Amino acid sequence: MNKDWFVYILECKDQSLYTGITTNLKRRVIEHNTDNKKGAKSLRGKRPVKLVYYESFDTIIKAASREKAIKNWKRINKLKLINKGRLKGFTL
């Protein structure tokens, strides 16, 4: 059984960007926005966060490779990607 993997970009309250990987976008965004211990520590003072971009992959290897590449990009390149694939009216 194939499981979809998602690479996602969140925009934080301070307009910083966070890139991550998950198999469940809704759950992960909720984790990042709540006080449970499952959200990224680096986001705890930057809530709320909102999902602004995601891509899906059929393997963790492909998703992790893409996540690593995006994390190495400059902010301007991430913003271009976000604007190209803008999530208009998207809700989890």
PDB file of N, CA and C in Angstrom:
ATOM      1  N   MET A   1       0.830  -1.177   0.000  1.00  0.00           N
ATOM      2  CA  MET A   1       0.000   0.000   0.000  1.00  0.00           C
ATOM      3  C   MET A   1       0.882   1.250   0.000  1.00  0.00           C
ATOM      4  N   ASN A   2       0.646   2.147  -0.948  1.00  0.00           N
ATOM      5  CA  ASN A   2       1.413   3.380  -1.027  1.00  0.00           C
ATOM      6  C   ASN A   2       0.870   4.418  -0.061  1.00  0.00           C
ATOM      7  N   LYS A   3       1.779   5.136   0.537  1.00  0.00           N
ATOM      8  CA  LYS A   3       1.417   6.231   1.420  1.00  0.00           C
ATOM      9  C   LYS A   3       1.955   7.507   0.797  1.00  0.00           C
ATOM     10  N   ASP A   4       1.120   8.533   0.717  1.00  0.00           N
ATOM     11  CA  ASP A   4       1.590   9.808   0.190  1.00  0.00           C
ATOM     12  C   ASP A   4       2.421  10.531   1.240  1.00  0.00           C
ATOM     13  N   TRP A   5       3.502  11.121   0.772  1.00  0.00           N
ATOM     14  CA  TRP A   5       4.355  11.964   1.602  1.00  0.00           C
ATOM     15  C   TRP A   5       4.230  13.391   1.105  1.00  0.00           C
ATOM     16  N   PHE A   6       4.201  14.326   2.014  1.00  0.00           N
ATOM     17  CA  PHE A   6       4.036  15.728   1.658  1.00  0.00           C
ATOM     18  C   PHE A   6       5.216  16.554   2.153  1.00  0.00           C
ATOM     19  N   VAL A   7       5.699  17.414   1.277  1.00  0.00           N
ATOM     20  CA  VAL A   7       6.633  18.463   1.664  1.00  0.00           C
ATOM     21  C   VAL A   7       5.793  19.728   1.728  1.00  0.00           C
ATOM     22  N   TYR A   8       5.911  20.461   2.813  1.00  0.00           N
ATOM     23  CA  TYR A   8       5.052  21.619   3.000  1.00  0.00           C
ATOM     24  C   TYR A   8       5.859  22.830   3.451  1.00  0.00           C
ATOM     25  N   ILE A   9       5.297  23.996   3.186  1.00  0.00           N
ATOM     26  CA  ILE A   9       5.878  25.247   3.670  1.00  0.00           C
ATOM     27  C   ILE A   9       4.808  25.964   4.484  1.00  0.00           C
ATOM     28  N   LEU A  10       5.202  26.382   5.672  1.00  0.00           N
ATOM     29  CA  LEU A  10       4.330  27.151   6.548  1.00  0.00           C
ATOM     30  C   LEU A  10       4.831  28.585   6.617  1.00  0.00           C
ATOM     31  N   GLU A  11       3.896  29.514   6.707  1.00  0.00           N
ATOM     32  CA  GLU A  11       4.253  30.903   6.980  1.00  0.00           C
ATOM     33  C   GLU A  11       3.909  31.179   8.434  1.00  0.00           C
ATOM     34  N   CYS A  12       4.870  31.712   9.157  1.00  0.00           N
ATOM     35  CA  CYS A  12       4.696  31.968  10.582  1.00  0.00           C
ATOM     36  C   CYS A  12       4.174  33.373  10.834  1.00  0.00           C
ATOM     37  N   LYS A  13       3.771  33.605  12.073  1.00  0.00           N
ATOM     38  CA  LYS A  13       3.247  34.905  12.488  1.00  0.00           C
ATOM     39  C   LYS A  13       4.223  36.033  12.157  1.00  0.00           C
ATOM     40  N   ASP A  14       5.532  35.764  12.247  1.00  0.00           N
ATOM     41  CA  ASP A  14       6.549  36.786  11.968  1.00  0.00           C
ATOM     42  C   ASP A  14       6.979  36.810  10.495  1.00  0.00           C
ATOM     43  N   GLN A  15       6.236  36.145   9.642  1.00  0.00           N
ATOM     44  CA  GLN A  15       6.472  36.037   8.198  1.00  0.00           C
ATOM     45  C   GLN A  15       7.671  35.163   7.831  1.00  0.00           C
ATOM     46  N   SER A  16       8.264  34.483   8.792  1.00  0.00           N
ATOM     47  CA  SER A  16       9.315  33.529   8.450  1.00  0.00           C
ATOM     48  C   SER A  16       8.658  32.296   7.831  1.00  0.00           C
ATOM     49  N   LEU A  17       9.465  31.504   7.133  1.00  0.00           N
ATOM     50  CA  LEU A  17       8.969  30.307   6.451  1.00  0.00           C
ATOM     51  C   LEU A  17       9.588  29.070   7.072  1.00  0.00           C
ATOM     52  N   TYR A  18       8.791  28.030   7.187  1.00  0.00           N
ATOM     53  CA  TYR A  18       9.243  26.752   7.737  1.00  0.00           C
ATOM     54  C   TYR A  18       8.890  25.660   6.740  1.00  0.00           C
ATOM     55  N   THR A  19       9.861  24.818   6.425  1.00  0.00           N
ATOM     56  CA  THR A  19       9.645  23.705   5.497  1.00  0.00           C
ATOM     57  C   THR A  19       9.728  22.398   6.267  1.00  0.00           C
ATOM     58  N   GLY A  20       8.794  21.492   6.000  1.00  0.00           N
ATOM     59  CA  GLY A  20       8.776  20.212   6.686  1.00  0.00           C
ATOM     60  C   GLY A  20       8.249  19.099   5.801  1.00  0.00           C
ATOM     61  N   ILE A  21       8.134  17.918   6.397  1.00  0.00           N
ATOM     62  CA  ILE A  21       7.690  16.720   5.687  1.00  0.00           C
ATOM     63  C   ILE A  21       6.726  15.957   6.594  1.00  0.00           C
ATOM     64  N   THR A  22       5.702  15.345   6.005  1.00  0.00           N
ATOM     65  CA  THR A  22       4.711  14.605   6.793  1.00  0.00           C
ATOM     66  C   THR A  22       3.919  13.667   5.892  1.00  0.00           C
ATOM     67  N   THR A  23       3.164  12.776   6.506  1.00  0.00           N
ATOM     68  CA  THR A  23       2.205  11.947   5.771  1.00  0.00           C
ATOM     69  C   THR A  23       0.778  12.447   5.978  1.00  0.00           C
ATOM     70  N   ASN A  24       0.609  13.427   6.878  1.00  0.00           N
ATOM     71  CA  ASN A  24      -0.725  13.942   7.187  1.00  0.00           C
ATOM     72  C   ASN A  24      -0.646  15.458   7.411  1.00  0.00           C
ATOM     73  N   LEU A  25      -0.989  16.220   6.392  1.00  0.00           N
ATOM     74  CA  LEU A  25      -0.867  17.679   6.459  1.00  0.00           C
ATOM     75  C   LEU A  25      -1.717  18.297   7.564  1.00  0.00           C
ATOM     76  N   LYS A  26      -2.967  17.895   7.636  1.00  0.00           N
ATOM     77  CA  LYS A  26      -3.874  18.483   8.625  1.00  0.00           C
ATOM     78  C   LYS A  26      -3.354  18.267  10.042  1.00  0.00           C
ATOM     79  N   ARG A  27      -3.013  17.032  10.341  1.00  0.00           N
ATOM     80  CA  ARG A  27      -2.509  16.710  11.682  1.00  0.00           C
ATOM     81  C   ARG A  27      -1.247  17.503  11.997  1.00  0.00           C
ATOM     82  N   ARG A  28      -0.347  17.598  11.020  1.00  0.00           N
ATOM     83  CA  ARG A  28       0.937  18.256  11.259  1.00  0.00           C
ATOM     84  C   ARG A  28       0.775  19.758  11.500  1.00  0.00           C
ATOM     85  N   VAL A  29      -0.079  20.404  10.731  1.00  0.00           N
ATOM     86  CA  VAL A  29      -0.302  21.837  10.942  1.00  0.00           C
ATOM     87  C   VAL A  29      -0.925  22.068  12.320  1.00  0.00           C
ATOM     88  N   ILE A  30      -1.861  21.212  12.705  1.00  0.00           N
ATOM     89  CA  ILE A  30      -2.465  21.317  14.039  1.00  0.00           C
ATOM     90  C   ILE A  30      -1.396  21.143  15.112  1.00  0.00           C
ATOM     91  N   GLU A  31      -0.514  20.163  14.943  1.00  0.00           N
ATOM     92  CA  GLU A  31       0.569  19.947  15.909  1.00  0.00           C
ATOM     93  C   GLU A  31       1.451  21.187  16.029  1.00  0.00           C
ATOM     94  N   HIS A  32       1.778  21.801  14.903  1.00  0.00           N
ATOM     95  CA  HIS A  32       2.619  22.999  14.932  1.00  0.00           C
ATOM     96  C   HIS A  32       1.911  24.172  15.610  1.00  0.00           C
ATOM     97  N   ASN A  33       0.589  24.203  15.564  1.00  0.00           N
ATOM     98  CA  ASN A  33      -0.168  25.329  16.111  1.00  0.00           C
ATOM     99  C   ASN A  33      -0.638  25.135  17.546  1.00  0.00           C
ATOM    100  N   THR A  34      -0.352  24.000  18.141  1.00  0.00           N
ATOM    101  CA  THR A  34      -0.798  23.748  19.511  1.00  0.00           C
ATOM    102  C   THR A  34       0.389  23.565  20.440  1.00  0.00           C
ATOM    103  N   ASP A  35       0.093  23.518  21.725  1.00  0.00           N
ATOM    104  CA  ASP A  35       1.151  23.433  22.728  1.00  0.00           C
ATOM    105  C   ASP A  35       1.617  22.013  23.025  1.00  0.00           C
ATOM    106  N   ASN A  36       1.165  21.042  22.218  1.00  0.00           N
ATOM    107  CA  ASN A  36       1.658  19.689  22.476  1.00  0.00           C
ATOM    108  C   ASN A  36       3.134  19.618  22.100  1.00  0.00           C
ATOM    109  N   LYS A  37       3.795  18.585  22.480  1.00  0.00           N
ATOM    110  CA  LYS A  37       5.239  18.460  22.269  1.00  0.00           C
ATOM    111  C   LYS A  37       5.599  17.948  20.878  1.00  0.00           C
ATOM    112  N   LYS A  38       4.606  17.759  20.004  1.00  0.00           N
ATOM    113  CA  LYS A  38       4.873  17.183  18.689  1.00  0.00           C
ATOM    114  C   LYS A  38       5.230  18.221  17.630  1.00  0.00           C
ATOM    115  N   GLY A  39       4.910  19.489  17.854  1.00  0.00           N
ATOM    116  CA  GLY A  39       5.251  20.542  16.897  1.00  0.00           C
ATOM    117  C   GLY A  39       6.731  20.884  16.982  1.00  0.00           C
ATOM    118  N   ALA A  40       7.264  21.466  15.925  1.00  0.00           N
ATOM    119  CA  ALA A  40       8.676  21.843  15.897  1.00  0.00           C
ATOM    120  C   ALA A  40       8.966  22.896  16.968  1.00  0.00           C
ATOM    121  N   LYS A  41      10.038  22.692  17.735  1.00  0.00           N
ATOM    122  CA  LYS A  41      10.408  23.641  18.784  1.00  0.00           C
ATOM    123  C   LYS A  41      10.669  25.024  18.212  1.00  0.00           C
ATOM    124  N   SER A  42      11.233  25.076  17.020  1.00  0.00           N
ATOM    125  CA  SER A  42      11.577  26.367  16.415  1.00  0.00           C
ATOM    126  C   SER A  42      10.348  27.214  16.085  1.00  0.00           C
ATOM    127  N   LEU A  43       9.164  26.608  16.083  1.00  0.00           N
ATOM    128  CA  LEU A  43       7.940  27.344  15.753  1.00  0.00           C
ATOM    129  C   LEU A  43       7.157  27.793  16.982  1.00  0.00           C
ATOM    130  N   ARG A  44       7.562  27.404  18.147  1.00  0.00           N
ATOM    131  CA  ARG A  44       6.744  27.644  19.346  1.00  0.00           C
ATOM    132  C   ARG A  44       6.491  29.116  19.632  1.00  0.00           C
ATOM    133  N   GLY A  45       7.395  29.998  19.310  1.00  0.00           N
ATOM    134  CA  GLY A  45       7.163  31.422  19.527  1.00  0.00           C
ATOM    135  C   GLY A  45       6.658  32.137  18.287  1.00  0.00           C
ATOM    136  N   LYS A  46       6.360  31.378  17.246  1.00  0.00           N
ATOM    137  CA  LYS A  46       5.990  31.966  15.956  1.00  0.00           C
ATOM    138  C   LYS A  46       4.570  31.623  15.530  1.00  0.00           C
ATOM    139  N   ARG A  47       3.770  31.132  16.454  1.00  0.00           N
ATOM    140  CA  ARG A  47       2.397  30.763  16.132  1.00  0.00           C
ATOM    141  C   ARG A  47       1.511  31.992  16.054  1.00  0.00           C
ATOM    142  N   PRO A  48       0.446  31.930  15.300  1.00  0.00           N
ATOM    143  CA  PRO A  48       0.007  30.782  14.506  1.00  0.00           C
ATOM    144  C   PRO A  48       0.789  30.673  13.199  1.00  0.00           C
ATOM    145  N   VAL A  49       0.809  29.445  12.680  1.00  0.00           N
ATOM    146  CA  VAL A  49       1.398  29.201  11.366  1.00  0.00           C
ATOM    147  C   VAL A  49       0.276  28.818  10.413  1.00  0.00           C
ATOM    148  N   LYS A  50       0.502  29.092   9.128  1.00  0.00           N
ATOM    149  CA  LYS A  50      -0.505  28.671   8.150  1.00  0.00           C
ATOM    150  C   LYS A  50       0.188  27.983   6.986  1.00  0.00           C
ATOM    151  N   LEU A  51      -0.489  26.993   6.454  1.00  0.00           N
ATOM    152  CA  LEU A  51       0.012  26.247   5.310  1.00  0.00           C
ATOM    153  C   LEU A  51      -0.107  27.124   4.070  1.00  0.00           C
ATOM    154  N   VAL A  52       1.025  27.349   3.382  1.00  0.00           N
ATOM    155  CA  VAL A  52       1.001  28.181   2.179  1.00  0.00           C
ATOM    156  C   VAL A  52       1.409  27.415   0.926  1.00  0.00           C
ATOM    157  N   TYR A  53       1.964  26.201   1.105  1.00  0.00           N
ATOM    158  CA  TYR A  53       2.400  25.434  -0.062  1.00  0.00           C
ATOM    159  C   TYR A  53       2.605  23.976   0.340  1.00  0.00           C
ATOM    160  N   TYR A  54       2.311  23.077  -0.598  1.00  0.00           N
ATOM    161  CA  TYR A  54       2.687  21.679  -0.386  1.00  0.00           C
ATOM    162  C   TYR A  54       2.818  20.966  -1.721  1.00  0.00           C
ATOM    163  N   GLU A  55       3.585  19.885  -1.705  1.00  0.00           N
ATOM    164  CA  GLU A  55       3.739  18.973  -2.840  1.00  0.00           C
ATOM    165  C   GLU A  55       3.595  17.562  -2.288  1.00  0.00           C
ATOM    166  N   SER A  56       3.114  16.635  -3.104  1.00  0.00           N
ATOM    167  CA  SER A  56       3.001  15.244  -2.649  1.00  0.00           C
ATOM    168  C   SER A  56       3.951  14.349  -3.437  1.00  0.00           C
ATOM    169  N   PHE A  57       4.405  13.296  -2.764  1.00  0.00           N
ATOM    170  CA  PHE A  57       5.347  12.337  -3.336  1.00  0.00           C
ATOM    171  C   PHE A  57       4.920  10.933  -2.939  1.00  0.00           C
ATOM    172  N   ASP A  58       5.321   9.965  -3.738  1.00  0.00           N
ATOM    173  CA  ASP A  58       4.921   8.586  -3.440  1.00  0.00           C
ATOM    174  C   ASP A  58       5.919   7.838  -2.562  1.00  0.00           C
ATOM    175  N   THR A  59       7.094   8.423  -2.314  1.00  0.00           N
ATOM    176  CA  THR A  59       8.060   7.778  -1.423  1.00  0.00           C
ATOM    177  C   THR A  59       8.673   8.808  -0.483  1.00  0.00           C
ATOM    178  N   ILE A  60       9.097   8.338   0.673  1.00  0.00           N
ATOM    179  CA  ILE A  60       9.754   9.227   1.626  1.00  0.00           C
ATOM    180  C   ILE A  60      11.089   9.712   1.073  1.00  0.00           C
ATOM    181  N   ILE A  61      11.749   8.904   0.280  1.00  0.00           N
ATOM    182  CA  ILE A  61      13.045   9.291  -0.287  1.00  0.00           C
ATOM    183  C   ILE A  61      12.895  10.511  -1.192  1.00  0.00           C
ATOM    184  N   LYS A  62      11.900  10.486  -2.062  1.00  0.00           N
ATOM    185  CA  LYS A  62      11.663  11.630  -2.956  1.00  0.00           C
ATOM    186  C   LYS A  62      11.263  12.864  -2.153  1.00  0.00           C
ATOM    187  N   ALA A  63      10.399  12.677  -1.181  1.00  0.00           N
ATOM    188  CA  ALA A  63       9.934  13.808  -0.375  1.00  0.00           C
ATOM    189  C   ALA A  63      11.078  14.408   0.442  1.00  0.00           C
ATOM    190  N   ALA A  64      11.883  13.570   1.054  1.00  0.00           N
ATOM    191  CA  ALA A  64      12.995  14.060   1.870  1.00  0.00           C
ATOM    192  C   ALA A  64      14.028  14.793   1.020  1.00  0.00           C
ATOM    193  N   SER A  65      14.248  14.308  -0.179  1.00  0.00           N
ATOM    194  CA  SER A  65      15.176  14.974  -1.091  1.00  0.00           C
ATOM    195  C   SER A  65      14.668  16.369  -1.455  1.00  0.00           C
ATOM    196  N   ARG A  66      13.382  16.472  -1.742  1.00  0.00           N
ATOM    197  CA  ARG A  66      12.788  17.761  -2.086  1.00  0.00           C
ATOM    198  C   ARG A  66      12.795  18.704  -0.882  1.00  0.00           C
ATOM    199  N   GLU A  67      12.480  18.176   0.296  1.00  0.00           N
ATOM    200  CA  GLU A  67      12.507  18.992   1.511  1.00  0.00           C
ATOM    201  C   GLU A  67      13.901  19.576   1.729  1.00  0.00           C
ATOM    202  N   LYS A  68      14.909  18.742   1.594  1.00  0.00           N
ATOM    203  CA  LYS A  68      16.291  19.187   1.787  1.00  0.00           C
ATOM    204  C   LYS A  68      16.649  20.284   0.791  1.00  0.00           C
ATOM    205  N   ALA A  69      16.245  20.096  -0.466  1.00  0.00           N
ATOM    206  CA  ALA A  69      16.542  21.098  -1.496  1.00  0.00           C
ATOM    207  C   ALA A  69      15.883  22.434  -1.157  1.00  0.00           C
ATOM    208  N   ILE A  70      14.601  22.399  -0.804  1.00  0.00           N
ATOM    209  CA  ILE A  70      13.879  23.639  -0.498  1.00  0.00           C
ATOM    210  C   ILE A  70      14.476  24.323   0.727  1.00  0.00           C
ATOM    211  N   LYS A  71      14.845  23.551   1.738  1.00  0.00           N
ATOM    212  CA  LYS A  71      15.433  24.138   2.942  1.00  0.00           C
ATOM    213  C   LYS A  71      16.730  24.875   2.640  1.00  0.00           C
ATOM    214  N   ASN A  72      17.425  24.474   1.582  1.00  0.00           N
ATOM    215  CA  ASN A  72      18.679  25.128   1.210  1.00  0.00           C
ATOM    216  C   ASN A  72      18.481  26.359   0.328  1.00  0.00           C
ATOM    217  N   TRP A  73      17.273  26.601  -0.117  1.00  0.00           N
ATOM    218  CA  TRP A  73      16.990  27.754  -0.973  1.00  0.00           C
ATOM    219  C   TRP A  73      16.993  29.044  -0.168  1.00  0.00           C
ATOM    220  N   LYS A  74      17.231  30.138  -0.885  1.00  0.00           N
ATOM    221  CA  LYS A  74      17.063  31.461  -0.300  1.00  0.00           C
ATOM    222  C   LYS A  74      15.564  31.755  -0.199  1.00  0.00           C
ATOM    223  N   ARG A  75      15.233  32.658   0.689  1.00  0.00           N
ATOM    224  CA  ARG A  75      13.829  33.021   0.921  1.00  0.00           C
ATOM    225  C   ARG A  75      13.114  33.430  -0.366  1.00  0.00           C
ATOM    226  N   ILE A  76      13.772  34.221  -1.212  1.00  0.00           N
ATOM    227  CA  ILE A  76      13.141  34.709  -2.437  1.00  0.00           C
ATOM    228  C   ILE A  76      12.699  33.556  -3.333  1.00  0.00           C
ATOM    229  N   ASN A  77      13.490  32.502  -3.394  1.00  0.00           N
ATOM    230  CA  ASN A  77      13.133  31.337  -4.211  1.00  0.00           C
ATOM    231  C   ASN A  77      11.955  30.576  -3.610  1.00  0.00           C
ATOM    232  N   LYS A  78      11.897  30.512  -2.295  1.00  0.00           N
ATOM    233  CA  LYS A  78      10.751  29.876  -1.638  1.00  0.00           C
ATOM    234  C   LYS A  78       9.474  30.669  -1.907  1.00  0.00           C
ATOM    235  N   LEU A  79       9.584  31.995  -1.857  1.00  0.00           N
ATOM    236  CA  LEU A  79       8.414  32.837  -2.120  1.00  0.00           C
ATOM    237  C   LEU A  79       7.925  32.681  -3.552  1.00  0.00           C
ATOM    238  N   LYS A  80       8.848  32.541  -4.484  1.00  0.00           N
ATOM    239  CA  LYS A  80       8.457  32.317  -5.882  1.00  0.00           C
ATOM    240  C   LYS A  80       7.698  31.001  -6.014  1.00  0.00           C
ATOM    241  N   LEU A  81       8.182  29.960  -5.351  1.00  0.00           N
ATOM    242  CA  LEU A  81       7.512  28.661  -5.379  1.00  0.00           C
ATOM    243  C   LEU A  81       6.114  28.772  -4.764  1.00  0.00           C
ATOM    244  N   ILE A  82       6.023  29.444  -3.638  1.00  0.00           N
ATOM    245  CA  ILE A  82       4.735  29.623  -2.968  1.00  0.00           C
ATOM    246  C   ILE A  82       3.761  30.367  -3.867  1.00  0.00           C
ATOM    247  N   ASN A  83       4.212  31.445  -4.473  1.00  0.00           N
ATOM    248  CA  ASN A  83       3.333  32.245  -5.333  1.00  0.00           C
ATOM    249  C   ASN A  83       2.903  31.484  -6.576  1.00  0.00           C
ATOM    250  N   LYS A  84       3.776  30.653  -7.092  1.00  0.00           N
ATOM    251  CA  LYS A  84       3.452  29.837  -8.268  1.00  0.00           C
ATOM    252  C   LYS A  84       2.371  28.806  -7.938  1.00  0.00           C
ATOM    253  N   GLY A  85       2.430  28.248  -6.753  1.00  0.00           N
ATOM    254  CA  GLY A  85       1.483  27.203  -6.362  1.00  0.00           C
ATOM    255  C   GLY A  85       0.559  27.634  -5.247  1.00  0.00           C
ATOM    256  N   ARG A  86       0.222  28.913  -5.202  1.00  0.00           N
ATOM    257  CA  ARG A  86      -0.581  29.493  -4.121  1.00  0.00           C
ATOM    258  C   ARG A  86      -1.834  28.676  -3.831  1.00  0.00           C
ATOM    259  N   LEU A  87      -2.078  28.429  -2.572  1.00  0.00           N
ATOM    260  CA  LEU A  87      -3.242  27.665  -2.125  1.00  0.00           C
ATOM    261  C   LEU A  87      -4.401  28.620  -1.906  1.00  0.00           C
ATOM    262  N   LYS A  88      -5.144  28.906  -2.937  1.00  0.00           N
ATOM    263  CA  LYS A  88      -6.264  29.848  -2.853  1.00  0.00           C
ATOM    264  C   LYS A  88      -7.498  29.148  -2.290  1.00  0.00           C
ATOM    265  N   GLY A  89      -7.971  29.646  -1.176  1.00  0.00           N
ATOM    266  CA  GLY A  89      -9.179  29.094  -0.585  1.00  0.00           C
ATOM    267  C   GLY A  89      -9.007  27.691  -0.033  1.00  0.00           C
ATOM    268  N   PHE A  90      -7.777  27.256   0.158  1.00  0.00           N
ATOM    269  CA  PHE A  90      -7.506  25.911   0.642  1.00  0.00           C
ATOM    270  C   PHE A  90      -7.690  25.853   2.151  1.00  0.00           C
ATOM    271  N   THR A  91      -8.422  24.875   2.622  1.00  0.00           N
ATOM    272  CA  THR A  91      -8.540  24.643   4.058  1.00  0.00           C
ATOM    273  C   THR A  91      -8.265  23.183   4.338  1.00  0.00           C
ATOM    274  N   LEU A  92      -7.717  22.943   5.495  1.00  0.00           N
ATOM    275  CA  LEU A  92      -7.418  21.566   5.901  1.00  0.00           C
ATOM    276  C   LEU A  92      -8.627  20.936   6.537  1.00  0.00           C
TER     277      LEU A  92
END
